[in-house]
Amino acid sequence: MKLSRFKHFTHQITRLGKALILGSLLVASPAMAIKMPPPEVGAKGYLLIDLTTGQELAEFNSNERLEPASLTKLMTAYMVFSALENKQIQPDQKVPVSTNAWKAVGSRMFIEPNRDVTVDELVHGMIIQSGNDATTALAELLAGDENNFARLMNQQAKQLGMTNTNFENATGLPGPQHYTTASDLAKLASAIIQHFPEYYRYYSIKEYAYNGITQKNRNRLLWIDESVDGMKTGHTSSAGYCLVSSAKRTLPNGVERRLLSVVLGTESSEARAQESLKLLNYGFQTYETVKLYSAQQAVSTSTVYKGESKEVRIGLTEDLLINVPRGMANQLEAVVQRQNKLIAPIQKGTKLGTIQLKLNGEVLLTKPLLALQDITEAGLFGRLIDTAKLWMNDDEEPTTAN
């Protein structure tokens, strides 16, 4: 069975709740020209991303291939969520439990071959209890067997831009060619948050009972920090203790800010929680998110020739947000570059310039500026007058403005 109609990533930076940064945008995220020293983190590799702006705030060995352990289940979940959204499977659908799934080694949900279990129950078991038996049952439901499912996982990984990832199974059990990176896991986790907000809620559930057995979510941060609402733990003796965590906080300026932390290869369950929390607090406390312009707000205007209107408003279709080291927001400089000699008609949404955000002379971010309105063509007399102006190079405007 092959999953279809997978969504593509958006490259737009938007306010949380509309669309978050992920996928290919994380590959080309805005450069943080001036970074504050990150904390000491006891891990083989880590990455901290601000999903509200797409900026990388801290990293160490984020592109080194490491074992993901049960963080693998993030990809399994992504594919299950996609199948649910595409109506290929239903939450209340009964799933047969194979002997292979029943005997899965490692953490378990304790499903049984002769006991009915639904897709929804299996998703709870996979995410909250990290059940390898539940995960195997879902893989078999979608692809017939786990080997076929692993091939689909790798196809999906390529679509998400996970260029340093290869999966051999759905659960995260060690394998010679089972690896990923902190950077790739950030792309995957971001994709889940953006594409499947209705299913992301599973990751905040603290405990789940099945077959008379209650198990707690292994993500300790759900109890430590109320702003943390996900995502997934992982552990094997060779991978160490791993955690992908995400937290959302509302800032005094009303901006909802979401950070994503990926920590791989710590020494204990307690360490992965504390090192992740250390990164999240560093991101929230050391950097501030500045809102420079609102969606549809005119950043500048440009003169238009041969149009019913003599100028066009230019701006962005989403809020312009950026992270800067705390206390340095007043040093931000916005440099606008506009196209010269615009000729009507102009369609709303046409790129007419760029805006660069600089801090101490270094470019942090460049975004296109778009026409915020349609400009229709003027009548014959108006066009003739403007033709003469253009011929005489009259009324020429500068191409940059601060």
Protein backbone atom coordinates (compact mmCIF):
# COMPACT_ATOMS: atom_id res chain seq x y z
CA MET A 1 0.00 0.00 0.00
CA LYS A 2 1.46 3.32 -0.99
CA LEU A 3 0.53 6.55 0.76
CA SER A 4 -0.49 9.38 -1.55
CA ARG A 5 -1.35 13.08 -1.58
CA PHE A 6 1.42 14.04 0.84
CA LYS A 7 1.51 17.80 1.32
CA HIS A 8 4.35 20.07 0.25
CA PHE A 9 6.06 22.59 2.55
CA THR A 10 5.30 26.28 2.50
CA HIS A 11 8.17 28.73 2.44
CA GLN A 12 6.17 31.50 4.09
CA ILE A 13 7.02 32.73 7.56
CA THR A 14 3.71 33.03 9.34
CA ARG A 15 2.27 33.58 12.75
CA LEU A 16 1.90 30.41 14.79
CA GLY A 17 -1.55 28.95 14.29
CA LYS A 18 -1.52 29.63 10.55
CA ALA A 19 1.60 27.88 9.30
CA LEU A 20 4.91 27.09 10.96
CA ILE A 21 8.37 26.94 9.57
CA LEU A 22 9.66 23.57 8.57
CA GLY A 23 11.05 21.32 5.93
CA SER A 24 12.99 23.02 3.22
CA LEU A 25 12.80 26.36 5.02
CA LEU A 26 14.87 24.90 7.84
CA VAL A 27 17.58 24.18 5.28
CA ALA A 28 17.70 27.84 4.26
CA SER A 29 16.60 29.46 7.50
CA PRO A 30 17.47 33.10 8.19
CA ALA A 31 21.04 33.46 9.34
CA MET A 32 21.58 34.55 12.92
CA ALA A 33 24.53 36.87 12.33
CA ILE A 34 25.05 37.58 16.02
CA LYS A 35 24.59 34.60 18.32
CA MET A 36 24.76 34.48 22.06
CA PRO A 37 26.91 31.69 23.54
CA PRO A 38 24.74 28.59 24.03
CA PRO A 39 24.71 26.68 27.31
CA GLU A 40 26.82 23.58 27.89
CA VAL A 41 24.69 20.64 26.75
CA GLY A 42 25.72 17.06 27.54
CA ALA A 43 24.65 15.38 24.31
CA LYS A 44 26.13 13.81 21.18
CA GLY A 45 24.25 16.35 19.09
CA TYR A 46 21.52 18.95 19.47
CA LEU A 47 19.61 21.66 17.64
CA LEU A 48 17.37 24.50 18.80
CA ILE A 49 15.02 26.10 16.25
CA ASP A 50 12.54 28.94 16.63
CA LEU A 51 9.62 27.71 14.54
CA THR A 52 7.92 31.09 14.62
CA THR A 53 10.69 32.71 12.59
CA GLY A 54 12.60 29.71 11.22
CA GLN A 55 15.85 30.80 12.85
CA GLU A 56 18.42 28.40 14.23
CA LEU A 57 19.38 29.53 17.72
CA ALA A 58 21.90 26.88 18.80
CA GLU A 59 23.40 23.65 17.49
CA PHE A 60 26.10 21.06 18.01
CA ASN A 61 26.79 18.20 15.59
CA SER A 62 23.31 18.77 14.18
CA ASN A 63 24.25 17.17 10.83
CA GLU A 64 26.10 14.17 12.29
CA ARG A 65 24.42 10.83 11.62
CA LEU A 66 23.24 9.35 14.91
CA GLU A 67 20.83 6.64 16.04
CA PRO A 68 17.30 7.98 16.62
CA ALA A 69 15.97 5.12 18.76
CA SER A 70 12.21 5.64 19.28
CA LEU A 71 12.35 9.11 17.73
CA THR A 72 11.87 6.97 14.60
CA LYS A 73 8.23 6.79 15.63
CA LEU A 74 7.87 10.46 14.63
CA MET A 75 8.09 9.34 11.01
CA THR A 76 5.72 6.42 11.62
CA ALA A 77 3.28 8.87 13.19
CA TYR A 78 3.66 11.31 10.28
CA MET A 79 2.62 8.59 7.85
CA VAL A 80 -0.26 7.41 10.02
CA PHE A 81 -1.51 10.98 10.37
CA SER A 82 -1.32 11.43 6.60
CA ALA A 83 -3.31 8.23 6.05
CA LEU A 84 -5.93 9.41 8.56
CA GLU A 85 -6.21 12.80 6.88
CA ASN A 86 -6.52 11.20 3.44
CA LYS A 87 -9.25 8.86 4.76
CA GLN A 88 -7.20 5.78 3.91
CA ILE A 89 -7.78 4.58 7.45
CA GLN A 90 -10.28 5.57 10.14
CA PRO A 91 -9.67 6.24 13.87
CA ASP A 92 -12.27 3.64 14.92
CA GLN A 93 -11.09 1.05 12.38
CA LYS A 94 -10.33 -2.37 13.90
CA VAL A 95 -6.77 -3.51 13.30
CA PRO A 96 -5.71 -7.18 13.30
CA VAL A 97 -2.77 -7.92 15.60
CA SER A 98 -0.21 -10.19 13.99
CA THR A 99 2.05 -12.53 15.93
CA ASN A 100 4.95 -10.37 14.77
CA ALA A 101 3.41 -7.24 16.32
CA TRP A 102 2.38 -9.08 19.48
CA LYS A 103 5.93 -10.34 20.05
CA ALA A 104 7.65 -7.02 19.29
CA VAL A 105 10.59 -6.50 21.64
CA GLY A 106 11.18 -3.41 23.73
CA SER A 107 8.56 -1.03 25.12
CA ARG A 108 5.03 -2.33 24.70
CA MET A 109 1.38 -1.34 24.71
CA PHE A 110 0.43 -4.98 25.44
CA ILE A 111 -1.89 -5.61 22.52
CA GLU A 112 -3.02 -9.21 21.96
CA PRO A 113 -3.85 -11.20 18.80
CA ASN A 114 -7.40 -12.05 19.90
CA ARG A 115 -8.33 -8.67 21.37
CA ASP A 116 -9.83 -5.92 19.20
CA VAL A 117 -7.77 -2.75 18.97
CA THR A 118 -8.53 0.41 16.97
CA VAL A 119 -6.28 2.74 15.03
CA ASP A 120 -6.88 5.45 17.63
CA GLU A 121 -5.86 3.14 20.46
CA LEU A 122 -2.72 2.12 18.58
CA VAL A 123 -1.79 5.76 17.97
CA HIS A 124 -2.13 6.43 21.71
CA GLY A 125 0.00 3.37 22.41
CA MET A 126 2.68 4.36 19.91
CA ILE A 127 3.01 8.00 21.00
CA ILE A 128 2.30 8.00 24.74
CA GLN A 129 3.51 4.52 25.69
CA SER A 130 6.10 4.28 22.87
CA GLY A 131 4.82 0.77 22.21
CA ASN A 132 6.83 -1.13 19.62
CA ASP A 133 3.93 -3.59 19.32
CA ALA A 134 1.48 -0.77 18.49
CA THR A 135 3.94 0.78 16.04
CA THR A 136 4.49 -2.53 14.25
CA ALA A 137 0.74 -3.12 13.97
CA LEU A 138 0.26 0.32 12.37
CA ALA A 139 3.13 -0.27 9.94
CA GLU A 140 1.62 -3.59 8.90
CA LEU A 141 -1.79 -1.95 8.45
CA LEU A 142 -0.39 0.68 6.09
CA ALA A 143 2.14 -1.35 4.11
CA GLY A 144 1.56 -5.05 4.70
CA ASP A 145 4.85 -5.59 6.51
CA GLU A 146 7.51 -3.54 8.22
CA ASN A 147 10.06 -3.82 5.40
CA ASN A 148 7.63 -2.29 2.91
CA PHE A 149 6.77 0.38 5.43
CA ALA A 150 10.45 1.25 5.91
CA ARG A 151 10.73 1.87 2.16
CA LEU A 152 7.78 4.25 2.35
CA MET A 153 9.35 5.95 5.36
CA ASN A 154 12.50 6.64 3.37
CA GLN A 155 10.50 7.97 0.41
CA GLN A 156 8.71 10.36 2.74
CA ALA A 157 11.99 11.38 4.37
CA LYS A 158 13.31 12.47 0.98
CA GLN A 159 10.15 14.50 0.32
CA LEU A 160 10.67 16.29 3.64
CA GLY A 161 14.28 17.13 2.77
CA MET A 162 15.76 14.70 5.31
CA THR A 163 18.95 14.13 3.33
CA ASN A 164 20.93 12.36 6.08
CA THR A 165 18.30 9.85 7.18
CA ASN A 166 17.69 6.17 6.51
CA PHE A 167 15.17 3.98 8.29
CA GLU A 168 15.30 0.18 8.53
CA ASN A 169 12.21 -0.24 10.70
CA ALA A 170 9.21 1.62 12.10
CA THR A 171 10.12 1.43 15.79
CA GLY A 172 13.72 2.61 16.11
CA LEU A 173 15.40 -0.65 17.05
CA PRO A 174 19.13 -0.43 16.21
CA GLY A 175 20.28 -1.36 12.71
CA PRO A 176 23.50 -0.84 10.75
CA GLN A 177 21.76 1.53 8.32
CA HIS A 178 19.24 3.08 10.69
CA TYR A 179 20.29 6.68 11.29
CA THR A 180 19.28 10.32 11.15
CA THR A 181 20.48 13.73 12.37
CA ALA A 182 19.23 16.39 14.74
CA SER A 183 18.63 18.66 11.73
CA ASP A 184 16.55 16.04 9.91
CA LEU A 185 14.52 15.29 13.02
CA ALA A 186 13.76 18.99 13.37
CA LYS A 187 12.36 19.00 9.84
CA LEU A 188 10.21 15.96 10.62
CA ALA A 189 8.90 17.29 13.94
CA SER A 190 8.16 20.65 12.35
CA ALA A 191 6.23 18.93 9.58
CA ILE A 192 4.03 17.15 12.11
CA ILE A 193 3.32 20.39 13.95
CA GLN A 194 2.39 22.23 10.77
CA HIS A 195 0.63 19.58 8.75
CA PHE A 196 -1.29 17.79 11.49
CA PRO A 197 -2.23 20.20 14.31
CA GLU A 198 -5.32 18.11 15.08
CA TYR A 199 -3.13 15.06 15.78
CA TYR A 200 -0.26 16.87 17.46
CA ARG A 201 -2.41 16.90 20.62
CA TYR A 202 -1.48 13.24 21.22
CA TYR A 203 2.02 14.33 22.22
CA SER A 204 0.79 16.33 25.22
CA ILE A 205 -1.15 13.45 26.83
CA LYS A 206 0.61 12.47 30.05
CA GLU A 207 -0.61 8.89 30.46
CA TYR A 208 -2.67 6.21 28.74
CA ALA A 209 -4.25 2.96 29.89
CA TYR A 210 -4.81 -0.11 27.71
CA ASN A 211 -5.49 -3.72 28.64
CA GLY A 212 -5.68 -2.71 32.28
CA ILE A 213 -2.17 -1.27 32.25
CA THR A 214 -1.56 2.49 32.70
CA GLN A 215 1.71 3.89 31.43
CA LYS A 216 3.02 7.43 31.74
CA ASN A 217 4.43 9.49 28.90
CA ARG A 218 8.24 9.31 29.15
CA ASN A 219 8.59 13.01 28.29
CA ARG A 220 9.28 14.44 31.76
CA LEU A 221 9.05 18.00 30.48
CA LEU A 222 5.26 17.67 30.30
CA TRP A 223 5.29 17.76 34.11
CA ILE A 224 8.17 20.23 34.56
CA ASP A 225 7.21 23.06 32.17
CA GLU A 226 3.59 23.83 31.33
CA SER A 227 4.59 25.49 28.05
CA VAL A 228 5.92 22.14 26.75
CA ASP A 229 3.26 20.27 24.76
CA GLY A 230 5.36 17.56 23.02
CA MET A 231 6.98 15.61 21.52
CA LYS A 232 8.84 12.24 21.74
CA THR A 233 11.48 10.36 23.69
CA GLY A 234 13.84 7.65 22.53
CA HIS A 235 16.37 5.29 24.12
CA THR A 236 18.55 2.34 23.30
CA SER A 237 21.85 1.37 24.86
CA SER A 238 23.72 2.44 21.72
CA ALA A 239 21.73 5.63 20.99
CA GLY A 240 21.62 6.89 24.55
CA TYR A 241 18.69 8.94 25.80
CA CYS A 242 17.08 11.24 23.21
CA LEU A 243 14.27 13.79 23.24
CA VAL A 244 12.52 16.02 20.73
CA SER A 245 10.61 18.67 22.68
CA SER A 246 8.49 21.64 21.71
CA ALA A 247 7.22 24.54 23.79
CA LYS A 248 4.92 27.47 23.02
CA ARG A 249 4.84 30.69 25.00
CA THR A 250 2.87 33.90 24.44
CA LEU A 251 5.11 36.95 24.62
CA PRO A 252 4.15 40.33 26.16
CA ASN A 253 3.81 41.77 22.63
CA GLY A 254 1.15 39.14 21.86
CA VAL A 255 3.35 37.01 19.59
CA GLU A 256 2.98 33.26 20.10
CA ARG A 257 6.48 31.83 19.97
CA ARG A 258 7.24 28.13 19.50
CA LEU A 259 10.68 26.59 20.01
CA LEU A 260 11.75 23.09 18.99
CA SER A 261 14.64 21.31 20.66
CA VAL A 262 16.29 18.09 19.45
CA VAL A 263 18.71 16.45 21.89
CA LEU A 264 20.44 13.19 20.98
CA GLY A 265 22.63 10.86 23.00
CA THR A 266 22.45 12.02 26.61
CA GLU A 267 23.42 9.78 29.53
CA SER A 268 20.08 9.31 31.31
CA SER A 269 16.35 9.93 31.21
CA GLU A 270 16.77 12.80 33.65
CA ALA A 271 19.64 14.27 31.61
CA ARG A 272 17.68 14.37 28.34
CA ALA A 273 14.89 16.29 30.10
CA GLN A 274 17.22 18.73 31.84
CA GLU A 275 19.42 19.36 28.80
CA SER A 276 16.33 19.94 26.63
CA LEU A 277 14.84 22.33 29.17
CA LYS A 278 18.19 24.13 29.35
CA LEU A 279 18.05 24.72 25.58
CA LEU A 280 14.42 25.83 25.59
CA ASN A 281 14.99 28.30 28.42
CA TYR A 282 18.10 29.61 26.67
CA GLY A 283 16.08 30.29 23.53
CA PHE A 284 13.21 31.99 25.30
CA GLN A 285 15.33 34.03 27.69
CA THR A 286 18.33 34.98 25.55
CA TYR A 287 16.49 35.97 22.37
CA GLU A 288 13.46 38.17 21.91
CA THR A 289 11.05 38.03 19.00
CA VAL A 290 10.46 41.40 17.39
CA LYS A 291 7.42 42.12 15.25
CA LEU A 292 8.41 44.77 12.73
CA TYR A 293 5.45 44.81 10.38
CA SER A 294 1.99 43.27 10.31
CA ALA A 295 0.55 41.33 7.43
CA GLN A 296 -0.82 43.64 4.72
CA GLN A 297 0.84 46.67 6.34
CA ALA A 298 2.50 49.02 3.85
CA VAL A 299 6.25 49.00 4.35
CA SER A 300 6.75 51.58 1.61
CA THR A 301 5.15 52.95 -1.54
CA SER A 302 6.41 53.11 -5.12
CA THR A 303 5.49 55.45 -7.94
CA VAL A 304 3.46 53.88 -10.75
CA TYR A 305 3.34 55.14 -14.31
CA LYS A 306 0.37 54.77 -16.67
CA GLY A 307 -1.93 53.68 -13.85
CA GLU A 308 -5.24 54.86 -12.41
CA SER A 309 -3.35 55.25 -9.14
CA LYS A 310 0.00 57.03 -9.10
CA GLU A 311 1.50 54.86 -6.38
CA VAL A 312 1.29 51.31 -5.07
CA ARG A 313 1.60 50.14 -1.48
CA ILE A 314 4.19 47.40 -0.98
CA GLY A 315 4.52 45.09 2.00
CA LEU A 316 4.23 41.48 3.15
CA THR A 317 1.37 39.00 3.27
CA GLU A 318 2.38 37.77 6.73
CA ASP A 319 3.73 39.32 9.91
CA LEU A 320 7.45 40.07 9.74
CA LEU A 321 9.02 38.57 12.86
CA ILE A 322 12.67 38.13 13.76
CA ASN A 323 14.71 36.98 16.75
CA VAL A 324 17.53 39.13 18.07
CA PRO A 325 19.64 38.88 21.23
CA ARG A 326 17.65 40.37 24.07
CA GLY A 327 18.16 44.12 24.41
CA MET A 328 19.34 44.63 20.83
CA ALA A 329 16.00 45.20 19.12
CA ASN A 330 16.56 48.96 18.92
CA GLN A 331 19.68 48.32 16.84
CA LEU A 332 17.76 46.61 14.05
CA GLU A 333 17.85 48.40 10.70
CA ALA A 334 15.33 47.82 7.91
CA VAL A 335 16.59 48.57 4.39
CA VAL A 336 13.98 48.66 1.62
CA GLN A 337 14.92 48.22 -2.02
CA ARG A 338 12.20 49.06 -4.56
CA GLN A 339 11.91 48.54 -8.27
CA ASN A 340 12.07 51.75 -10.27
CA LYS A 341 9.71 52.95 -13.00
CA LEU A 342 6.79 50.64 -12.38
CA ILE A 343 4.32 50.46 -15.28
CA ALA A 344 0.63 49.63 -14.82
CA PRO A 345 -1.15 47.29 -14.78
CA ILE A 346 0.23 45.71 -11.60
CA GLN A 347 -1.35 42.65 -10.03
CA LYS A 348 -1.67 42.30 -6.28
CA GLY A 349 1.03 39.95 -4.99
CA THR A 350 3.64 40.92 -7.60
CA LYS A 351 7.16 41.18 -6.19
CA LEU A 352 8.21 44.83 -6.33
CA GLY A 353 11.22 44.93 -4.01
CA THR A 354 12.90 43.48 -0.94
CA ILE A 355 13.42 44.33 2.69
CA GLN A 356 16.63 43.49 4.50
CA LEU A 357 16.90 43.37 8.28
CA LYS A 358 20.37 44.20 9.57
CA LEU A 359 21.95 44.14 13.00
CA ASN A 360 25.28 45.91 13.43
CA GLY A 361 25.69 45.90 9.67
CA GLU A 362 25.13 42.16 9.24
CA VAL A 363 22.13 40.91 7.26
CA LEU A 364 19.84 38.72 9.37
CA LEU A 365 16.97 38.29 6.94
CA THR A 366 15.87 39.25 3.43
CA LYS A 367 12.20 39.06 2.43
CA PRO A 368 10.38 39.98 -0.80
CA LEU A 369 8.04 42.97 -0.79
CA LEU A 370 4.80 42.49 -2.71
CA ALA A 371 2.16 44.74 -4.21
CA LEU A 372 -0.66 44.98 -1.68
CA GLN A 373 -3.23 46.17 -4.26
CA ASP A 374 -4.14 45.92 -7.92
CA ILE A 375 -3.23 48.91 -10.06
CA THR A 376 -5.29 49.18 -13.22
CA GLU A 377 -4.14 50.92 -16.39
CA ALA A 378 -5.01 54.60 -16.83
CA GLY A 379 -6.90 56.02 -19.78
CA LEU A 380 -5.23 57.11 -23.01
CA PHE A 381 -4.54 60.71 -21.86
CA GLY A 382 -2.97 59.58 -18.57
CA ARG A 383 -0.79 57.04 -20.33
CA LEU A 384 0.43 59.66 -22.81
CA ILE A 385 1.43 62.06 -20.01
CA ASP A 386 3.34 59.35 -18.17
CA THR A 387 5.03 58.23 -21.39
CA ALA A 388 6.41 61.74 -21.71
CA LYS A 389 7.57 61.68 -18.09
CA LEU A 390 9.36 58.41 -18.61
CA TRP A 391 10.97 59.70 -21.80
CA MET A 392 12.26 62.76 -19.94
CA ASN A 393 13.35 60.66 -16.92
CA ASP A 394 11.07 62.92 -14.90
CA ASP A 395 9.94 62.15 -11.36
CA GLU A 396 12.49 59.35 -10.88
CA GLU A 397 12.59 57.96 -7.34
CA PRO A 398 15.44 56.33 -5.39
CA THR A 399 15.67 52.56 -5.33
CA THR A 400 16.51 52.25 -1.63
CA ALA A 401 15.06 53.66 1.56
CA ASN A 402 15.80 53.10 5.25
